C-alpha atoms as a PDB file:
ATOM      1  CA  UNK A   1      41.069  57.276  33.700  1.00  0.00           C
ATOM      2  CA  UNK A   2      37.835  57.831  31.779  1.00  0.00           C
ATOM      3  CA  UNK A   3      37.897  59.016  28.189  1.00  0.00           C
ATOM      4  CA  UNK A   4      36.161  62.152  26.981  1.00  0.00           C
ATOM      5  CA  UNK A   5      33.436  60.129  25.257  1.00  0.00           C
ATOM      6  CA  UNK A   6      29.865  60.273  26.501  1.00  0.00           C
ATOM      7  CA  UNK A   7      29.001  57.609  29.037  1.00  0.00           C
ATOM      8  CA  UNK A   8      25.656  56.517  30.402  1.00  0.00           C
ATOM      9  CA  UNK A   9      25.116  56.164  34.126  1.00  0.00           C
ATOM     10  CA  UNK A  10      22.117  54.444  35.674  1.00  0.00           C
ATOM     11  CA  UNK A  11      20.570  56.236  38.672  1.00  0.00           C
ATOM     12  CA  UNK A  12      17.284  55.889  40.509  1.00  0.00           C
ATOM     13  CA  UNK A  13      14.378  58.223  39.751  1.00  0.00           C
ATOM     14  CA  UNK A  14      14.795  59.773  43.193  1.00  0.00           C
ATOM     15  CA  UNK A  15      18.448  60.564  42.488  1.00  0.00           C
ATOM     16  CA  UNK A  16      17.511  61.999  39.108  1.00  0.00           C
ATOM     17  CA  UNK A  17      14.905  64.263  40.759  1.00  0.00           C
ATOM     18  CA  UNK A  18      17.451  65.456  43.333  1.00  0.00           C
ATOM     19  CA  UNK A  19      19.973  66.092  40.574  1.00  0.00           C
ATOM     20  CA  UNK A  20      17.403  68.141  38.676  1.00  0.00           C
ATOM     21  CA  UNK A  21      16.641  70.238  41.788  1.00  0.00           C
ATOM     22  CA  UNK A  22      20.352  70.884  42.265  1.00  0.00           C
ATOM     23  CA  UNK A  23      20.746  71.736  38.575  1.00  0.00           C
ATOM     24  CA  UNK A  24      18.118  74.441  38.971  1.00  0.00           C
ATOM     25  CA  UNK A  25      19.561  75.686  42.276  1.00  0.00           C
ATOM     26  CA  UNK A  26      23.073  75.896  40.800  1.00  0.00           C
ATOM     27  CA  UNK A  27      21.655  77.571  37.695  1.00  0.00           C
ATOM     28  CA  UNK A  28      23.545  75.295  35.299  1.00  0.00           C
ATOM     29  CA  UNK A  29      22.406  73.795  32.031  1.00  0.00           C
ATOM     30  CA  UNK A  30      23.125  70.087  32.353  1.00  0.00           C
ATOM     31  CA  UNK A  31      23.336  67.238  34.837  1.00  0.00           C
ATOM     32  CA  UNK A  32      27.012  66.922  33.916  1.00  0.00           C
ATOM     33  CA  UNK A  33      27.673  70.529  34.987  1.00  0.00           C
ATOM     34  CA  UNK A  34      25.761  69.868  38.211  1.00  0.00           C
ATOM     35  CA  UNK A  35      27.868  66.821  39.038  1.00  0.00           C
ATOM     36  CA  UNK A  36      31.091  68.680  38.227  1.00  0.00           C
ATOM     37  CA  UNK A  37      30.053  71.551  40.500  1.00  0.00           C
ATOM     38  CA  UNK A  38      29.293  69.116  43.327  1.00  0.00           C
ATOM     39  CA  UNK A  39      32.708  67.486  42.884  1.00  0.00           C
ATOM     40  CA  UNK A  40      34.505  70.867  42.934  1.00  0.00           C
ATOM     41  CA  UNK A  41      32.652  71.956  46.086  1.00  0.00           C
ATOM     42  CA  UNK A  42      33.354  68.657  47.851  1.00  0.00           C
ATOM     43  CA  UNK A  43      37.030  68.801  46.884  1.00  0.00           C
ATOM     44  CA  UNK A  44      37.309  72.389  48.130  1.00  0.00           C
ATOM     45  CA  UNK A  45      35.694  71.537  51.473  1.00  0.00           C
ATOM     46  CA  UNK A  46      37.920  68.500  51.927  1.00  0.00           C
ATOM     47  CA  UNK A  47      41.090  70.455  51.150  1.00  0.00           C
ATOM     48  CA  UNK A  48      40.015  73.294  53.436  1.00  0.00           C
ATOM     49  CA  UNK A  49      39.456  70.815  56.247  1.00  0.00           C
ATOM     50  CA  UNK A  50      42.852  69.191  55.704  1.00  0.00           C
ATOM     51  CA  UNK A  51      44.966  72.299  55.139  1.00  0.00           C
ATOM     52  CA  UNK A  52      42.914  74.972  56.846  1.00  0.00           C
ATOM     53  CA  UNK A  53      42.758  73.728  60.422  1.00  0.00           C
ATOM     54  CA  UNK A  54      44.873  76.642  61.684  1.00  0.00           C
ATOM     55  CA  UNK A  55      43.675  79.226  59.212  1.00  0.00           C
ATOM     56  CA  UNK A  56      43.386  82.612  60.897  1.00  0.00           C
ATOM     57  CA  UNK A  57      45.000  81.257  64.077  1.00  0.00           C
ATOM     58  CA  UNK A  58      48.500  80.203  63.083  1.00  0.00           C
ATOM     59  CA  UNK A  59      50.846  82.874  61.750  1.00  0.00           C
ATOM     60  CA  UNK A  60      53.781  82.243  59.393  1.00  0.00           C
ATOM     61  CA  UNK A  61      57.153  81.547  60.997  1.00  0.00           C
ATOM     62  CA  UNK A  62      59.590  84.452  61.213  1.00  0.00           C
ATOM     63  CA  UNK A  63      63.311  84.663  61.853  1.00  0.00           C
ATOM     64  CA  UNK A  64      62.529  85.469  65.503  1.00  0.00           C
ATOM     65  CA  UNK A  65      60.819  82.063  65.832  1.00  0.00           C
ATOM     66  CA  UNK A  66      64.090  80.177  65.280  1.00  0.00           C
ATOM     67  CA  UNK A  67      65.630  78.479  68.280  1.00  0.00           C
ATOM     68  CA  UNK A  68      69.201  79.449  68.982  1.00  0.00           C
ATOM     69  CA  UNK A  69      70.908  76.094  69.401  1.00  0.00           C
ATOM     70  CA  UNK A  70      74.467  77.435  69.095  1.00  0.00           C
ATOM     71  CA  UNK A  71      75.524  78.919  72.453  1.00  0.00           C
END
């Protein structure tokens, strides 16, 4: 786990330019906020893909859905 202290990360100039474009598009103040926003969006999409495959199609189980196994 990383500490809360500032850390330097080396990236290419091209990556830095792309990060700056995203910073402006996301309307955030810092590269750190941009990266955090990207992480949140990626996490949300991944979780939606994993847990949302039946979203809007599958309905919750009801008592009527139970199989009567005791004749």
